[in-house]
Amino acid sequence: MGDIWGLQFDRFLTEDDFNADGSLKAGLPDQTKVFPAGYQFAPGDVLYKDLDNNGEIGIQDAFLVLSYYSYQSAGKNVTWEDLTK
């Protein structure tokens, strides 16, 4: 509890990533699990890294960004303001 998890940014989608019908080209990871149902991808949308190389982006690709216990066990009281300095 209190941990912050995230997906790793790979790059932004470009027009070259799409077929003529607007669908994503083969070879790109399926990231429909991390976007709202029915979301229509477009150039400029984020493409996340498929960290486990299974062809889809999901919870298995999330990594720990910041752990509540890591800064509590170090005896520090870190705030969001501290992280932005």
N, C-alpha and C. Protein backbone atom coordinates (compact mmCIF):
# COMPACT_ATOMS: atom_id res chain seq x y z
N MET A 1 0.84 -1.18 0.00
CA MET A 1 0.00 0.00 0.00
C MET A 1 0.89 1.25 0.00
N GLY A 2 0.54 2.21 -0.79
CA GLY A 2 1.32 3.43 -0.87
C GLY A 2 2.41 3.40 -1.92
N ASP A 3 2.60 2.24 -2.56
CA ASP A 3 3.60 2.14 -3.61
C ASP A 3 3.06 2.78 -4.89
N ILE A 4 3.95 3.26 -5.72
CA ILE A 4 3.58 3.84 -7.01
C ILE A 4 4.17 2.96 -8.10
N TRP A 5 3.30 2.45 -8.96
CA TRP A 5 3.69 1.58 -10.06
C TRP A 5 3.45 2.29 -11.37
N GLY A 6 4.18 1.95 -12.40
CA GLY A 6 3.98 2.59 -13.69
C GLY A 6 4.42 1.69 -14.84
N LEU A 7 4.08 2.13 -16.03
CA LEU A 7 4.51 1.47 -17.26
C LEU A 7 5.63 2.31 -17.86
N GLN A 8 6.56 1.65 -18.52
CA GLN A 8 7.70 2.35 -19.09
C GLN A 8 7.38 2.87 -20.49
N PHE A 9 7.59 4.16 -20.69
CA PHE A 9 7.38 4.81 -21.97
C PHE A 9 8.38 4.26 -22.99
N ASP A 10 7.88 3.91 -24.16
CA ASP A 10 8.76 3.50 -25.25
C ASP A 10 8.92 4.67 -26.22
N ARG A 11 7.79 5.10 -26.79
CA ARG A 11 7.79 6.21 -27.74
C ARG A 11 6.35 6.61 -28.03
N PHE A 12 6.19 7.64 -28.83
CA PHE A 12 4.87 8.02 -29.29
C PHE A 12 4.57 7.29 -30.60
N LEU A 13 3.32 6.90 -30.78
CA LEU A 13 2.91 6.30 -32.04
C LEU A 13 2.97 7.34 -33.15
N THR A 14 3.34 6.91 -34.35
CA THR A 14 3.39 7.79 -35.52
C THR A 14 2.44 7.27 -36.58
N GLU A 15 2.24 8.03 -37.61
CA GLU A 15 1.36 7.60 -38.71
C GLU A 15 1.86 6.30 -39.34
N ASP A 16 3.15 6.08 -39.30
CA ASP A 16 3.73 4.85 -39.86
C ASP A 16 3.34 3.60 -39.09
N ASP A 17 2.80 3.74 -37.88
CA ASP A 17 2.39 2.60 -37.05
C ASP A 17 0.99 2.10 -37.38
N PHE A 18 0.31 2.76 -38.32
CA PHE A 18 -1.09 2.44 -38.60
C PHE A 18 -1.28 1.93 -40.02
N ASN A 19 -2.23 0.99 -40.15
CA ASN A 19 -2.68 0.53 -41.46
C ASN A 19 -3.62 1.56 -42.05
N ALA A 20 -3.96 1.40 -43.32
CA ALA A 20 -4.85 2.34 -44.01
C ALA A 20 -6.23 2.43 -43.34
N ASP A 21 -6.67 1.32 -42.70
CA ASP A 21 -7.99 1.32 -42.04
C ASP A 21 -7.95 1.91 -40.62
N GLY A 22 -6.78 2.39 -40.18
CA GLY A 22 -6.65 2.99 -38.85
C GLY A 22 -6.24 2.04 -37.75
N SER A 23 -6.15 0.75 -38.06
CA SER A 23 -5.72 -0.23 -37.06
C SER A 23 -4.20 -0.19 -36.92
N LEU A 24 -3.72 -0.63 -35.78
CA LEU A 24 -2.27 -0.67 -35.56
C LEU A 24 -1.65 -1.80 -36.37
N LYS A 25 -0.48 -1.57 -36.88
CA LYS A 25 0.22 -2.58 -37.67
C LYS A 25 0.66 -3.74 -36.79
N ALA A 26 0.81 -4.89 -37.42
CA ALA A 26 1.31 -6.08 -36.73
C ALA A 26 2.72 -5.80 -36.21
N GLY A 27 3.06 -6.45 -35.11
CA GLY A 27 4.39 -6.29 -34.54
C GLY A 27 4.44 -5.34 -33.37
N LEU A 28 3.40 -4.51 -33.22
CA LEU A 28 3.34 -3.63 -32.06
C LEU A 28 2.63 -4.35 -30.93
N PRO A 29 3.05 -4.14 -29.68
CA PRO A 29 2.37 -4.82 -28.57
C PRO A 29 0.92 -4.35 -28.43
N ASP A 30 0.05 -5.28 -28.07
CA ASP A 30 -1.35 -4.97 -27.82
C ASP A 30 -1.45 -4.28 -26.46
N GLN A 31 -1.86 -3.03 -26.45
CA GLN A 31 -1.96 -2.31 -25.19
C GLN A 31 -3.40 -1.92 -24.86
N THR A 32 -4.37 -2.68 -25.39
CA THR A 32 -5.78 -2.38 -25.14
C THR A 32 -6.17 -2.61 -23.68
N LYS A 33 -5.41 -3.42 -22.93
CA LYS A 33 -5.73 -3.67 -21.52
C LYS A 33 -5.45 -2.47 -20.63
N VAL A 34 -4.64 -1.54 -21.09
CA VAL A 34 -4.28 -0.39 -20.24
C VAL A 34 -4.92 0.91 -20.72
N PHE A 35 -5.81 0.81 -21.68
CA PHE A 35 -6.58 1.96 -22.16
C PHE A 35 -8.06 1.63 -22.00
N PRO A 36 -8.93 2.64 -21.95
CA PRO A 36 -10.36 2.38 -21.81
C PRO A 36 -10.89 1.52 -22.97
N ALA A 37 -11.89 0.71 -22.69
CA ALA A 37 -12.50 -0.15 -23.71
C ALA A 37 -12.94 0.69 -24.90
N GLY A 38 -12.63 0.22 -26.09
CA GLY A 38 -13.04 0.91 -27.31
C GLY A 38 -12.17 2.09 -27.70
N TYR A 39 -11.09 2.31 -26.96
CA TYR A 39 -10.21 3.44 -27.27
C TYR A 39 -9.66 3.30 -28.68
N GLN A 40 -9.69 4.37 -29.45
CA GLN A 40 -9.14 4.39 -30.81
C GLN A 40 -7.77 5.05 -30.78
N PHE A 41 -6.74 4.26 -31.00
CA PHE A 41 -5.39 4.78 -30.99
C PHE A 41 -5.16 5.70 -32.18
N ALA A 42 -4.30 6.69 -31.99
CA ALA A 42 -4.01 7.67 -33.02
C ALA A 42 -2.54 8.08 -32.92
N PRO A 43 -1.98 8.63 -33.98
CA PRO A 43 -0.62 9.14 -33.90
C PRO A 43 -0.50 10.14 -32.73
N GLY A 44 0.58 10.01 -32.00
CA GLY A 44 0.79 10.87 -30.83
C GLY A 44 0.46 10.19 -29.52
N ASP A 45 -0.28 9.06 -29.58
CA ASP A 45 -0.56 8.29 -28.36
C ASP A 45 0.73 7.62 -27.88
N VAL A 46 0.77 7.31 -26.62
CA VAL A 46 1.93 6.66 -26.01
C VAL A 46 1.97 5.18 -26.39
N LEU A 47 3.17 4.70 -26.67
CA LEU A 47 3.42 3.27 -26.83
C LEU A 47 4.29 2.88 -25.64
N TYR A 48 3.80 1.94 -24.84
CA TYR A 48 4.55 1.48 -23.68
C TYR A 48 5.46 0.31 -24.05
N LYS A 49 6.51 0.11 -23.26
CA LYS A 49 7.43 -1.00 -23.49
C LYS A 49 6.83 -2.31 -23.00
N ASP A 50 6.98 -3.34 -23.79
CA ASP A 50 6.55 -4.69 -23.44
C ASP A 50 7.71 -5.36 -22.70
N LEU A 51 7.79 -5.16 -21.40
CA LEU A 51 8.96 -5.59 -20.63
C LEU A 51 9.12 -7.10 -20.56
N ASP A 52 8.01 -7.86 -20.66
CA ASP A 52 8.14 -9.31 -20.61
C ASP A 52 8.06 -9.95 -22.00
N ASN A 53 8.01 -9.13 -23.03
CA ASN A 53 8.02 -9.59 -24.43
C ASN A 53 6.96 -10.64 -24.76
N ASN A 54 5.75 -10.47 -24.19
CA ASN A 54 4.68 -11.42 -24.51
C ASN A 54 3.72 -10.88 -25.57
N GLY A 55 4.00 -9.69 -26.11
CA GLY A 55 3.18 -9.15 -27.17
C GLY A 55 2.02 -8.30 -26.70
N GLU A 56 1.87 -8.13 -25.40
CA GLU A 56 0.79 -7.27 -24.89
C GLU A 56 1.27 -6.51 -23.66
N ILE A 57 0.67 -5.34 -23.48
CA ILE A 57 1.00 -4.50 -22.33
C ILE A 57 -0.07 -4.73 -21.27
N GLY A 58 0.37 -5.02 -20.07
CA GLY A 58 -0.55 -5.25 -18.97
C GLY A 58 0.15 -5.11 -17.63
N ILE A 59 -0.49 -5.59 -16.60
CA ILE A 59 0.04 -5.45 -15.24
C ILE A 59 1.42 -6.11 -15.11
N GLN A 60 1.67 -7.14 -15.89
CA GLN A 60 2.97 -7.82 -15.85
C GLN A 60 4.11 -6.93 -16.33
N ASP A 61 3.78 -5.83 -17.01
CA ASP A 61 4.80 -4.90 -17.50
C ASP A 61 5.01 -3.71 -16.56
N ALA A 62 4.23 -3.64 -15.50
CA ALA A 62 4.37 -2.53 -14.54
C ALA A 62 5.63 -2.74 -13.70
N PHE A 63 6.23 -1.64 -13.31
CA PHE A 63 7.40 -1.71 -12.44
C PHE A 63 7.22 -0.72 -11.30
N LEU A 64 7.91 -0.98 -10.21
CA LEU A 64 7.82 -0.15 -9.01
C LEU A 64 8.57 1.15 -9.24
N VAL A 65 7.85 2.26 -9.20
CA VAL A 65 8.45 3.58 -9.38
C VAL A 65 8.96 4.11 -8.05
N LEU A 66 8.12 4.00 -7.03
CA LEU A 66 8.48 4.50 -5.71
C LEU A 66 7.78 3.65 -4.66
N SER A 67 8.53 3.15 -3.72
CA SER A 67 7.98 2.30 -2.67
C SER A 67 7.81 3.08 -1.37
N TYR A 68 6.65 2.97 -0.79
CA TYR A 68 6.38 3.59 0.50
C TYR A 68 7.37 3.08 1.54
N TYR A 69 7.63 1.79 1.51
CA TYR A 69 8.49 1.20 2.54
C TYR A 69 9.95 1.58 2.36
N SER A 70 10.39 1.84 1.16
CA SER A 70 11.80 2.17 0.96
C SER A 70 12.16 3.49 1.62
N TYR A 71 11.28 4.50 1.54
CA TYR A 71 11.65 5.75 2.20
C TYR A 71 11.23 5.80 3.65
N GLN A 72 10.26 4.98 4.06
CA GLN A 72 9.91 4.91 5.47
C GLN A 72 10.99 4.16 6.25
N SER A 73 11.51 3.07 5.67
CA SER A 73 12.53 2.30 6.38
C SER A 73 13.85 3.06 6.48
N ALA A 74 14.05 4.02 5.61
CA ALA A 74 15.26 4.83 5.67
C ALA A 74 15.12 5.96 6.69
N GLY A 75 13.94 6.05 7.34
CA GLY A 75 13.73 7.07 8.34
C GLY A 75 13.45 8.44 7.76
N LYS A 76 12.99 8.47 6.53
CA LYS A 76 12.73 9.75 5.88
C LYS A 76 11.23 9.92 5.67
N ASN A 77 10.81 11.15 5.70
CA ASN A 77 9.42 11.47 5.42
C ASN A 77 9.40 12.26 4.11
N VAL A 78 9.27 11.55 3.00
CA VAL A 78 9.33 12.17 1.68
C VAL A 78 7.95 12.61 1.25
N THR A 79 7.87 13.80 0.69
CA THR A 79 6.61 14.32 0.17
C THR A 79 6.74 14.52 -1.33
N TRP A 80 5.60 14.72 -2.01
CA TRP A 80 5.63 14.96 -3.45
C TRP A 80 6.45 16.20 -3.77
N GLU A 81 6.40 17.18 -2.91
CA GLU A 81 7.17 18.40 -3.14
C GLU A 81 8.67 18.08 -3.15
N ASP A 82 9.10 17.15 -2.28
CA ASP A 82 10.51 16.76 -2.26
C ASP A 82 10.94 16.12 -3.59
N LEU A 83 10.04 15.39 -4.21
CA LEU A 83 10.37 14.68 -5.44
C LEU A 83 10.43 15.61 -6.64
N THR A 84 9.85 16.78 -6.53
CA THR A 84 9.82 17.70 -7.68
C THR A 84 10.89 18.79 -7.59
N LYS A 85 11.68 18.75 -6.53
CA LYS A 85 12.73 19.76 -6.38
C LYS A 85 13.96 19.40 -7.18
